[in-house]
Amino acid sequence: MRFIVLGDIEKAKYVNELLKLDLHKYDFILMTGDISGTPEGWKIGKARGMGDKSFIPAGKIPKIFYKELLQANIVKLREIDCIINDIKDYTKVFSIWGNADFNFVVSEVKPKNIEIVHKKVVNINGFYLTGYNGHPIYPWEITEPNKKDIFGYTHKETAKELRSFREEKIYADLTAVTKKLAPRKVIVVTHSPPYKILDKVLTKLIPWAVKSYGDISKDGNIGSTGLRKYLFEFKPILSVFGHIHEAKGIKKIDGTTFINAGIFNDQLEFVDVRIDDNTVNAKYRRID
């Protein structure tokens, strides 16, 4: 079996470049989320995290301004959905949603051509693909669920908007969905990396990591502990993720191959994965 893994997508037009490949050679394309992310959406996240009320222009209604900024995300997701409609003539496309795939945006677009595998199982040539949306919940979303952010949304509402999950929840859900499957036949796609596996942010971002997740991130690791626990217990053949662009890489640990696909940007770099005789061979390639 052979397939393509795409990291977080920077611009819609880069997805169109996939049509230059001989896509008939691939059984499917797998995306690691943050499909609709834009600089506007990232600014929202930074301002919200820092509590920067000056981010909202004078005279603007915060919730309306929030939705205005996300119009760029809506346009991007619509463009990608249209491109994938063409790609589907050659191969299947699967994904999960990342934290930059705002619930508001996805609800507005209602993409028809991306098959989301969150808590689902898809049988592909005798292998089973499953996945999980989002990223680990921030501590304050648990301790202060009713406190409001700069846009007037409660932490409980923003956790839902960004698909934040509790560590015990991702562990229980993935365990339940795969418990009857043979581990050597299971491929798990998530947006977040597992904790301490290809999940380290840049040194300059460690203060933000600690502010966001606490002392558990003091070394820059911001992956999911619940996902790590599940993967080390279940031992699937492959774990694929993105989210931390600077931590891209491929590792093999105790029979499981871990791939951080990074970011799909103007370098047009993707991961070409082959599974033969239950052996994973993966390498980074670029579209010429």
C-alpha atoms as a PDB file:
ATOM      1  CA  MET A   1       0.000   0.000   0.000  1.00  0.00           C
ATOM      2  CA  ARG A   2       1.216   3.493  -0.825  1.00  0.00           C
ATOM      3  CA  PHE A   3      -0.154   6.873   0.223  1.00  0.00           C
ATOM      4  CA  ILE A   4       0.645  10.577   0.615  1.00  0.00           C
ATOM      5  CA  VAL A   5       0.709  12.433   3.939  1.00  0.00           C
ATOM      6  CA  LEU A   6       0.263  16.220   3.909  1.00  0.00           C
ATOM      7  CA  GLY A   7       1.135  18.373   6.900  1.00  0.00           C
ATOM      8  CA  ASP A   8      -0.756  21.514   7.899  1.00  0.00           C
ATOM      9  CA  ILE A   9      -1.716  23.326   4.692  1.00  0.00           C
ATOM     10  CA  GLU A  10      -0.408  26.883   4.336  1.00  0.00           C
ATOM     11  CA  LYS A  11      -2.298  27.956   1.181  1.00  0.00           C
ATOM     12  CA  ALA A  12      -5.053  26.430  -0.935  1.00  0.00           C
ATOM     13  CA  LYS A  13      -3.106  26.785  -4.182  1.00  0.00           C
ATOM     14  CA  TYR A  14      -0.431  24.377  -2.958  1.00  0.00           C
ATOM     15  CA  VAL A  15      -2.996  21.563  -2.788  1.00  0.00           C
ATOM     16  CA  ASN A  16      -3.655  22.061  -6.491  1.00  0.00           C
ATOM     17  CA  GLU A  17       0.009  21.155  -7.143  1.00  0.00           C
ATOM     18  CA  LEU A  18      -0.775  17.557  -6.145  1.00  0.00           C
ATOM     19  CA  LEU A  19      -2.400  17.129  -9.552  1.00  0.00           C
ATOM     20  CA  LYS A  20       1.092  17.191 -11.054  1.00  0.00           C
ATOM     21  CA  LEU A  21       1.764  13.811  -9.421  1.00  0.00           C
ATOM     22  CA  ASP A  22       0.652  10.486 -10.848  1.00  0.00           C
ATOM     23  CA  LEU A  23      -2.022  10.107  -8.194  1.00  0.00           C
ATOM     24  CA  HIS A  24      -3.141   6.740  -9.568  1.00  0.00           C
ATOM     25  CA  LYS A  25      -0.042   5.322  -7.865  1.00  0.00           C
ATOM     26  CA  TYR A  26      -1.386   6.202  -4.433  1.00  0.00           C
ATOM     27  CA  ASP A  27      -4.184   4.459  -2.542  1.00  0.00           C
ATOM     28  CA  PHE A  28      -5.129   7.662  -0.752  1.00  0.00           C
ATOM     29  CA  ILE A  29      -4.023  11.077   0.529  1.00  0.00           C
ATOM     30  CA  LEU A  30      -3.992  11.696   4.277  1.00  0.00           C
ATOM     31  CA  MET A  31      -4.080  15.210   5.757  1.00  0.00           C
ATOM     32  CA  THR A  32      -3.141  16.014   9.360  1.00  0.00           C
ATOM     33  CA  GLY A  33      -5.546  18.932   9.910  1.00  0.00           C
ATOM     34  CA  ASP A  34      -5.257  22.727  10.005  1.00  0.00           C
ATOM     35  CA  ILE A  35      -6.609  22.664   6.481  1.00  0.00           C
ATOM     36  CA  SER A  36      -8.339  26.041   6.736  1.00  0.00           C
ATOM     37  CA  GLY A  37      -5.819  27.892   8.923  1.00  0.00           C
ATOM     38  CA  THR A  38      -4.817  31.429   7.882  1.00  0.00           C
ATOM     39  CA  PRO A  39      -2.704  34.235   9.400  1.00  0.00           C
ATOM     40  CA  GLU A  40      -5.960  35.905  10.439  1.00  0.00           C
ATOM     41  CA  GLY A  41      -6.977  32.837  12.414  1.00  0.00           C
ATOM     42  CA  TRP A  42      -3.536  32.573  14.018  1.00  0.00           C
ATOM     43  CA  LYS A  43      -3.780  36.228  15.099  1.00  0.00           C
ATOM     44  CA  ILE A  44      -7.051  35.388  16.828  1.00  0.00           C
ATOM     45  CA  GLY A  45      -5.341  32.614  18.756  1.00  0.00           C
ATOM     46  CA  LYS A  46      -2.422  34.784  19.833  1.00  0.00           C
ATOM     47  CA  ALA A  47      -4.617  37.704  20.917  1.00  0.00           C
ATOM     48  CA  ARG A  48      -6.991  35.385  22.750  1.00  0.00           C
ATOM     49  CA  GLY A  49      -4.161  33.596  24.544  1.00  0.00           C
ATOM     50  CA  MET A  50      -2.524  36.866  25.613  1.00  0.00           C
ATOM     51  CA  GLY A  51      -5.821  38.497  26.582  1.00  0.00           C
ATOM     52  CA  ASP A  52      -4.988  41.414  24.275  1.00  0.00           C
ATOM     53  CA  LYS A  53      -8.159  43.504  24.170  1.00  0.00           C
ATOM     54  CA  SER A  54      -6.400  46.163  22.059  1.00  0.00           C
ATOM     55  CA  PHE A  55      -6.493  43.622  19.205  1.00  0.00           C
ATOM     56  CA  ILE A  56     -10.147  44.516  18.651  1.00  0.00           C
ATOM     57  CA  PRO A  57     -10.491  47.891  16.827  1.00  0.00           C
ATOM     58  CA  ALA A  58     -12.437  50.643  18.527  1.00  0.00           C
ATOM     59  CA  GLY A  59     -16.089  50.567  17.584  1.00  0.00           C
ATOM     60  CA  LYS A  60     -16.018  46.915  16.523  1.00  0.00           C
ATOM     61  CA  ILE A  61     -18.362  44.420  18.158  1.00  0.00           C
ATOM     62  CA  PRO A  62     -15.957  41.670  19.330  1.00  0.00           C
ATOM     63  CA  LYS A  63     -17.961  38.650  18.160  1.00  0.00           C
ATOM     64  CA  ILE A  64     -18.684  40.228  14.775  1.00  0.00           C
ATOM     65  CA  PHE A  65     -15.008  41.169  14.344  1.00  0.00           C
ATOM     66  CA  TYR A  66     -14.083  37.566  15.205  1.00  0.00           C
ATOM     67  CA  LYS A  67     -16.295  36.230  12.422  1.00  0.00           C
ATOM     68  CA  GLU A  68     -15.068  38.867   9.970  1.00  0.00           C
ATOM     69  CA  LEU A  69     -11.475  37.705  10.476  1.00  0.00           C
ATOM     70  CA  LEU A  70     -12.483  34.114   9.821  1.00  0.00           C
ATOM     71  CA  GLN A  71     -13.882  34.914   6.368  1.00  0.00           C
ATOM     72  CA  ALA A  72     -10.388  34.223   4.980  1.00  0.00           C
ATOM     73  CA  ASN A  73     -10.503  30.748   6.528  1.00  0.00           C
ATOM     74  CA  ILE A  74     -13.891  30.146   4.934  1.00  0.00           C
ATOM     75  CA  VAL A  75     -12.614  31.139   1.500  1.00  0.00           C
ATOM     76  CA  LYS A  76      -9.554  28.909   1.874  1.00  0.00           C
ATOM     77  CA  LEU A  77     -11.540  25.846   2.951  1.00  0.00           C
ATOM     78  CA  ARG A  78     -13.976  26.279   0.055  1.00  0.00           C
ATOM     79  CA  GLU A  79     -11.080  26.470  -2.408  1.00  0.00           C
ATOM     80  CA  ILE A  80      -9.442  23.361  -0.994  1.00  0.00           C
ATOM     81  CA  ASP A  81     -12.714  21.450  -1.037  1.00  0.00           C
ATOM     82  CA  CYS A  82     -13.123  22.300  -4.740  1.00  0.00           C
ATOM     83  CA  ILE A  83      -9.556  21.197  -5.526  1.00  0.00           C
ATOM     84  CA  ILE A  84     -10.060  17.928  -3.680  1.00  0.00           C
ATOM     85  CA  ASN A  85     -13.143  17.311  -5.784  1.00  0.00           C
ATOM     86  CA  ASP A  86     -10.758  17.091  -8.769  1.00  0.00           C
ATOM     87  CA  ILE A  87      -8.200  15.013  -6.851  1.00  0.00           C
ATOM     88  CA  LYS A  88     -10.907  12.482  -5.976  1.00  0.00           C
ATOM     89  CA  ASP A  89     -10.997  11.459  -9.651  1.00  0.00           C
ATOM     90  CA  TYR A  90      -7.622   9.810  -9.001  1.00  0.00           C
ATOM     91  CA  THR A  91      -7.488   8.796  -5.322  1.00  0.00           C
ATOM     92  CA  LYS A  92      -9.318   9.073  -2.001  1.00  0.00           C
ATOM     93  CA  VAL A  93      -8.719  11.892   0.509  1.00  0.00           C
ATOM     94  CA  PHE A  94      -8.974  11.498   4.290  1.00  0.00           C
ATOM     95  CA  SER A  95      -8.285  13.903   7.162  1.00  0.00           C
ATOM     96  CA  ILE A  96      -9.043  15.045  10.677  1.00  0.00           C
ATOM     97  CA  TRP A  97      -9.638  18.640  11.802  1.00  0.00           C
ATOM     98  CA  GLY A  98      -6.924  20.625  13.583  1.00  0.00           C
ATOM     99  CA  ASN A  99      -7.250  23.393  16.138  1.00  0.00           C
ATOM    100  CA  ALA A 100      -7.055  26.016  13.349  1.00  0.00           C
ATOM    101  CA  ASP A 101     -10.084  24.437  11.651  1.00  0.00           C
ATOM    102  CA  PHE A 102     -12.561  26.519  13.633  1.00  0.00           C
ATOM    103  CA  ASN A 103     -15.964  24.934  14.166  1.00  0.00           C
ATOM    104  CA  PHE A 104     -17.559  28.127  12.852  1.00  0.00           C
ATOM    105  CA  VAL A 105     -15.602  27.867   9.600  1.00  0.00           C
ATOM    106  CA  VAL A 106     -16.334  24.182   8.979  1.00  0.00           C
ATOM    107  CA  SER A 107     -20.030  24.720   9.761  1.00  0.00           C
ATOM    108  CA  GLU A 108     -20.210  27.582   7.268  1.00  0.00           C
ATOM    109  CA  VAL A 109     -18.471  25.684   4.446  1.00  0.00           C
ATOM    110  CA  LYS A 110     -19.759  22.147   5.026  1.00  0.00           C
ATOM    111  CA  PRO A 111     -17.044  20.606   2.803  1.00  0.00           C
ATOM    112  CA  LYS A 112     -18.258  17.652   0.758  1.00  0.00           C
ATOM    113  CA  ASN A 113     -15.038  16.138  -0.563  1.00  0.00           C
ATOM    114  CA  ILE A 114     -12.912  15.589   2.557  1.00  0.00           C
ATOM    115  CA  GLU A 115     -13.677  12.390   4.469  1.00  0.00           C
ATOM    116  CA  ILE A 116     -13.093  13.050   8.171  1.00  0.00           C
ATOM    117  CA  VAL A 117     -12.058   9.961  10.151  1.00  0.00           C
ATOM    118  CA  HIS A 118     -12.480  11.335  13.681  1.00  0.00           C
ATOM    119  CA  LYS A 119     -13.431   8.353  15.888  1.00  0.00           C
ATOM    120  CA  LYS A 120     -14.210   6.334  12.751  1.00  0.00           C
ATOM    121  CA  VAL A 121     -12.584   3.297  11.158  1.00  0.00           C
ATOM    122  CA  VAL A 122     -12.047   3.035   7.403  1.00  0.00           C
ATOM    123  CA  ASN A 123     -10.877  -0.249   5.855  1.00  0.00           C
ATOM    124  CA  ILE A 124      -8.341   0.327   3.072  1.00  0.00           C
ATOM    125  CA  ASN A 125      -6.740  -2.701   1.452  1.00  0.00           C
ATOM    126  CA  GLY A 126      -6.844  -4.660   4.683  1.00  0.00           C
ATOM    127  CA  PHE A 127      -5.545  -1.798   6.840  1.00  0.00           C
ATOM    128  CA  TYR A 128      -7.656   0.310   9.188  1.00  0.00           C
ATOM    129  CA  LEU A 129      -7.459   4.099   9.274  1.00  0.00           C
ATOM    130  CA  THR A 130      -8.767   5.988  12.290  1.00  0.00           C
ATOM    131  CA  GLY A 131      -8.209   9.454  13.679  1.00  0.00           C
ATOM    132  CA  TYR A 132      -8.881  12.172  16.225  1.00  0.00           C
ATOM    133  CA  ASN A 133      -9.577  15.898  15.840  1.00  0.00           C
ATOM    134  CA  GLY A 134      -8.091  18.809  17.726  1.00  0.00           C
ATOM    135  CA  HIS A 135      -5.406  19.396  20.350  1.00  0.00           C
ATOM    136  CA  PRO A 136      -5.032  18.995  24.143  1.00  0.00           C
ATOM    137  CA  ILE A 137      -7.282  21.239  26.175  1.00  0.00           C
ATOM    138  CA  TYR A 138      -5.669  24.229  27.872  1.00  0.00           C
ATOM    139  CA  PRO A 139      -5.695  24.044  31.699  1.00  0.00           C
ATOM    140  CA  TRP A 140      -7.719  27.248  32.034  1.00  0.00           C
ATOM    141  CA  GLU A 141     -10.445  25.808  29.811  1.00  0.00           C
ATOM    142  CA  ILE A 142     -10.890  23.187  32.535  1.00  0.00           C
ATOM    143  CA  THR A 143     -10.441  25.340  35.647  1.00  0.00           C
ATOM    144  CA  GLU A 144     -12.329  28.438  34.426  1.00  0.00           C
ATOM    145  CA  PRO A 145     -14.893  27.149  31.891  1.00  0.00           C
ATOM    146  CA  ASN A 146     -17.223  30.134  32.280  1.00  0.00           C
ATOM    147  CA  LYS A 147     -14.618  32.897  32.121  1.00  0.00           C
ATOM    148  CA  LYS A 148     -14.929  34.970  28.943  1.00  0.00           C
ATOM    149  CA  ASP A 149     -12.161  35.745  26.442  1.00  0.00           C
ATOM    150  CA  ILE A 150     -11.560  39.057  24.655  1.00  0.00           C
ATOM    151  CA  PHE A 151     -14.264  38.253  22.097  1.00  0.00           C
ATOM    152  CA  GLY A 152     -16.909  37.477  24.716  1.00  0.00           C
ATOM    153  CA  TYR A 153     -16.851  33.694  24.383  1.00  0.00           C
ATOM    154  CA  THR A 154     -16.508  31.489  27.467  1.00  0.00           C
ATOM    155  CA  HIS A 155     -13.552  29.114  27.724  1.00  0.00           C
ATOM    156  CA  LYS A 156     -16.032  26.260  27.439  1.00  0.00           C
ATOM    157  CA  GLU A 157     -17.220  27.688  24.119  1.00  0.00           C
ATOM    158  CA  THR A 158     -13.705  28.264  22.771  1.00  0.00           C
ATOM    159  CA  ALA A 159     -12.655  24.744  23.752  1.00  0.00           C
ATOM    160  CA  LYS A 160     -15.478  23.419  21.588  1.00  0.00           C
ATOM    161  CA  GLU A 161     -14.668  25.876  18.789  1.00  0.00           C
ATOM    162  CA  LEU A 162     -11.015  24.737  18.652  1.00  0.00           C
ATOM    163  CA  ARG A 163     -11.792  21.023  19.199  1.00  0.00           C
ATOM    164  CA  SER A 164      -9.875  20.876  22.470  1.00  0.00           C
ATOM    165  CA  PHE A 165      -9.893  17.411  24.054  1.00  0.00           C
ATOM    166  CA  ARG A 166      -9.188  16.092  27.532  1.00  0.00           C
ATOM    167  CA  GLU A 167      -6.327  13.612  27.741  1.00  0.00           C
ATOM    168  CA  GLU A 168      -8.443  10.879  29.278  1.00  0.00           C
ATOM    169  CA  LYS A 169     -11.020  11.346  26.513  1.00  0.00           C
ATOM    170  CA  ILE A 170      -8.675  10.813  23.538  1.00  0.00           C
ATOM    171  CA  TYR A 171      -7.204   7.768  25.281  1.00  0.00           C
ATOM    172  CA  ALA A 172     -10.629   6.220  25.955  1.00  0.00           C
ATOM    173  CA  ASP A 173     -12.072   7.040  22.529  1.00  0.00           C
ATOM    174  CA  LEU A 174      -9.166   5.644  20.500  1.00  0.00           C
ATOM    175  CA  THR A 175      -8.962   2.584  22.719  1.00  0.00           C
ATOM    176  CA  ALA A 176     -12.659   1.897  22.200  1.00  0.00           C
ATOM    177  CA  VAL A 177     -12.613   2.379  18.432  1.00  0.00           C
ATOM    178  CA  THR A 178      -9.613   0.093  17.828  1.00  0.00           C
ATOM    179  CA  LYS A 179      -9.903  -2.535  20.569  1.00  0.00           C
ATOM    180  CA  LYS A 180     -11.072  -5.266  18.166  1.00  0.00           C
ATOM    181  CA  LEU A 181      -8.468  -4.489  15.484  1.00  0.00           C
ATOM    182  CA  ALA A 182      -5.029  -5.978  14.951  1.00  0.00           C
ATOM    183  CA  PRO A 183      -2.483  -3.258  15.905  1.00  0.00           C
ATOM    184  CA  ARG A 184      -0.178  -4.051  12.963  1.00  0.00           C
ATOM    185  CA  LYS A 185      -3.053  -3.161  10.640  1.00  0.00           C
ATOM    186  CA  VAL A 186      -3.977   0.196  12.207  1.00  0.00           C
ATOM    187  CA  ILE A 187      -2.976   3.683  11.023  1.00  0.00           C
ATOM    188  CA  VAL A 188      -3.777   6.533  13.427  1.00  0.00           C
ATOM    189  CA  VAL A 189      -3.950  10.134  12.203  1.00  0.00           C
ATOM    190  CA  THR A 190      -4.156  13.022  14.668  1.00  0.00           C
ATOM    191  CA  HIS A 191      -3.430  16.711  14.525  1.00  0.00           C
ATOM    192  CA  SER A 192      -1.539  16.773  17.798  1.00  0.00           C
ATOM    193  CA  PRO A 193       1.640  14.729  18.232  1.00  0.00           C
ATOM    194  CA  PRO A 194       2.004  12.339  21.157  1.00  0.00           C
ATOM    195  CA  TYR A 195       3.849  13.885  24.107  1.00  0.00           C
ATOM    196  CA  LYS A 196       7.651  13.930  23.717  1.00  0.00           C
ATOM    197  CA  ILE A 197       7.591  12.471  20.204  1.00  0.00           C
ATOM    198  CA  LEU A 198       8.305  15.022  17.457  1.00  0.00           C
ATOM    199  CA  ASP A 199       6.374  17.624  19.458  1.00  0.00           C
ATOM    200  CA  LYS A 200       8.991  20.169  20.538  1.00  0.00           C
ATOM    201  CA  VAL A 201       8.402  23.843  19.751  1.00  0.00           C
ATOM    202  CA  LEU A 202      11.163  26.365  19.043  1.00  0.00           C
ATOM    203  CA  THR A 203      13.111  27.526  22.105  1.00  0.00           C
ATOM    204  CA  LYS A 204      11.687  31.036  21.784  1.00  0.00           C
ATOM    205  CA  LEU A 205       8.173  29.581  22.085  1.00  0.00           C
ATOM    206  CA  ILE A 206       8.774  27.673  25.323  1.00  0.00           C
ATOM    207  CA  PRO A 207       7.458  30.557  27.506  1.00  0.00           C
ATOM    208  CA  TRP A 208       4.225  30.443  25.477  1.00  0.00           C
ATOM    209  CA  ALA A 209       4.123  26.634  25.843  1.00  0.00           C
ATOM    210  CA  VAL A 210       4.446  26.843  29.616  1.00  0.00           C
ATOM    211  CA  LYS A 211       1.824  29.600  29.775  1.00  0.00           C
ATOM    212  CA  SER A 212      -0.506  27.436  27.677  1.00  0.00           C
ATOM    213  CA  TYR A 213       0.062  23.972  29.171  1.00  0.00           C
ATOM    214  CA  GLY A 214       1.986  24.459  32.404  1.00  0.00           C
ATOM    215  CA  ASP A 215       5.237  22.916  33.656  1.00  0.00           C
ATOM    216  CA  ILE A 216       4.675  19.755  31.620  1.00  0.00           C
ATOM    217  CA  SER A 217       5.859  21.859  28.652  1.00  0.00           C
ATOM    218  CA  LYS A 218       8.949  23.369  30.304  1.00  0.00           C
ATOM    219  CA  ASP A 219      11.208  21.595  27.788  1.00  0.00           C
ATOM    220  CA  GLY A 220       9.044  22.674  24.836  1.00  0.00           C
ATOM    221  CA  ASN A 221       7.071  19.448  24.408  1.00  0.00           C
ATOM    222  CA  ILE A 222       3.390  20.170  23.846  1.00  0.00           C
ATOM    223  CA  GLY A 223       2.090  16.842  22.554  1.00  0.00           C
ATOM    224  CA  SER A 224      -0.795  14.835  23.993  1.00  0.00           C
ATOM    225  CA  THR A 225      -0.141  12.599  27.012  1.00  0.00           C
ATOM    226  CA  GLY A 226      -3.391  10.722  26.432  1.00  0.00           C
ATOM    227  CA  LEU A 227      -2.444   9.986  22.829  1.00  0.00           C
ATOM    228  CA  ARG A 228       1.024   8.843  23.922  1.00  0.00           C
ATOM    229  CA  LYS A 229      -0.467   6.453  26.490  1.00  0.00           C
ATOM    230  CA  TYR A 230      -2.821   4.975  23.892  1.00  0.00           C
ATOM    231  CA  LEU A 231      -0.119   4.552  21.230  1.00  0.00           C
ATOM    232  CA  PHE A 232       2.382   2.911  23.591  1.00  0.00           C
ATOM    233  CA  GLU A 233      -0.259   0.490  24.849  1.00  0.00           C
ATOM    234  CA  PHE A 234      -1.921  -0.360  21.522  1.00  0.00           C
ATOM    235  CA  LYS A 235       1.212  -0.154  19.331  1.00  0.00           C
ATOM    236  CA  PRO A 236      -0.342   0.570  15.901  1.00  0.00           C
ATOM    237  CA  ILE A 237       1.852   0.193  12.866  1.00  0.00           C
ATOM    238  CA  LEU A 238       1.759   3.927  12.133  1.00  0.00           C
ATOM    239  CA  SER A 239       1.009   7.223  13.919  1.00  0.00           C
ATOM    240  CA  VAL A 240       0.741  10.306  11.704  1.00  0.00           C
ATOM    241  CA  PHE A 241       0.332  13.912  12.861  1.00  0.00           C
ATOM    242  CA  GLY A 242       1.322  17.573  12.271  1.00  0.00           C
ATOM    243  CA  HIS A 243       0.689  20.714  14.384  1.00  0.00           C
ATOM    244  CA  ILE A 244       4.325  21.414  15.367  1.00  0.00           C
ATOM    245  CA  HIS A 245       5.850  22.341  12.008  1.00  0.00           C
ATOM    246  CA  GLU A 246       9.409  22.729  13.279  1.00  0.00           C
ATOM    247  CA  ALA A 247       9.363  19.207  14.768  1.00  0.00           C
ATOM    248  CA  LYS A 248       8.790  17.362  11.488  1.00  0.00           C
ATOM    249  CA  GLY A 249      10.485  14.004  11.285  1.00  0.00           C
ATOM    250  CA  ILE A 250      10.150  10.229  11.210  1.00  0.00           C
ATOM    251  CA  LYS A 251      10.852   7.935  14.165  1.00  0.00           C
ATOM    252  CA  LYS A 252      10.393   4.255  14.888  1.00  0.00           C
ATOM    253  CA  ILE A 253       9.763   3.238  18.495  1.00  0.00           C
ATOM    254  CA  ASP A 254       8.866  -0.251  19.684  1.00  0.00           C
ATOM    255  CA  GLY A 255       7.342  -1.300  16.365  1.00  0.00           C
ATOM    256  CA  THR A 256       5.385   1.896  15.679  1.00  0.00           C
ATOM    257  CA  THR A 257       6.476   4.426  13.043  1.00  0.00           C
ATOM    258  CA  PHE A 258       5.777   8.038  14.009  1.00  0.00           C
ATOM    259  CA  ILE A 259       5.561  10.725  11.322  1.00  0.00           C
ATOM    260  CA  ASN A 260       5.272  14.465  11.885  1.00  0.00           C
ATOM    261  CA  ALA A 261       4.491  15.708   8.380  1.00  0.00           C
ATOM    262  CA  GLY A 262       5.239  19.338   9.271  1.00  0.00           C
ATOM    263  CA  ILE A 263       3.730  21.946   6.965  1.00  0.00           C
ATOM    264  CA  PHE A 264       2.680  21.802   3.322  1.00  0.00           C
ATOM    265  CA  ASN A 265       3.907  25.169   2.036  1.00  0.00           C
ATOM    266  CA  ASP A 266       5.687  26.619  -1.002  1.00  0.00           C
ATOM    267  CA  GLN A 267       8.338  23.901  -0.710  1.00  0.00           C
ATOM    268  CA  LEU A 268       5.587  21.441  -1.708  1.00  0.00           C
ATOM    269  CA  GLU A 269       7.046  18.793   0.573  1.00  0.00           C
ATOM    270  CA  PHE A 270       4.968  15.764   1.500  1.00  0.00           C
ATOM    271  CA  VAL A 271       5.619  12.329   2.968  1.00  0.00           C
ATOM    272  CA  ASP A 272       5.536   9.335   0.631  1.00  0.00           C
ATOM    273  CA  VAL A 273       4.575   6.251   2.664  1.00  0.00           C
ATOM    274  CA  ARG A 274       4.715   2.591   1.648  1.00  0.00           C
ATOM    275  CA  ILE A 275       3.626  -0.342   3.769  1.00  0.00           C
ATOM    276  CA  ASP A 276       4.878  -3.689   2.470  1.00  0.00           C
ATOM    277  CA  ASP A 277       4.719  -6.911   4.480  1.00  0.00           C
ATOM    278  CA  ASN A 278       3.829  -4.899   7.598  1.00  0.00           C
ATOM    279  CA  THR A 279       6.973  -2.783   7.189  1.00  0.00           C
ATOM    280  CA  VAL A 280       6.650   1.006   6.936  1.00  0.00           C
ATOM    281  CA  ASN A 281       8.944   2.914   4.618  1.00  0.00           C
ATOM    282  CA  ALA A 282       8.471   6.680   4.623  1.00  0.00           C
ATOM    283  CA  LYS A 283      10.427   9.555   3.086  1.00  0.00           C
ATOM    284  CA  TYR A 284       9.938  13.249   2.412  1.00  0.00           C
ATOM    285  CA  ARG A 285       9.491  14.229  -1.233  1.00  0.00           C
ATOM    286  CA  ARG A 286       8.826  17.443  -3.113  1.00  0.00           C
ATOM    287  CA  ILE A 287       6.584  18.082  -6.081  1.00  0.00           C
ATOM    288  CA  ASP A 288       8.765  19.171  -9.006  1.00  0.00           C
END
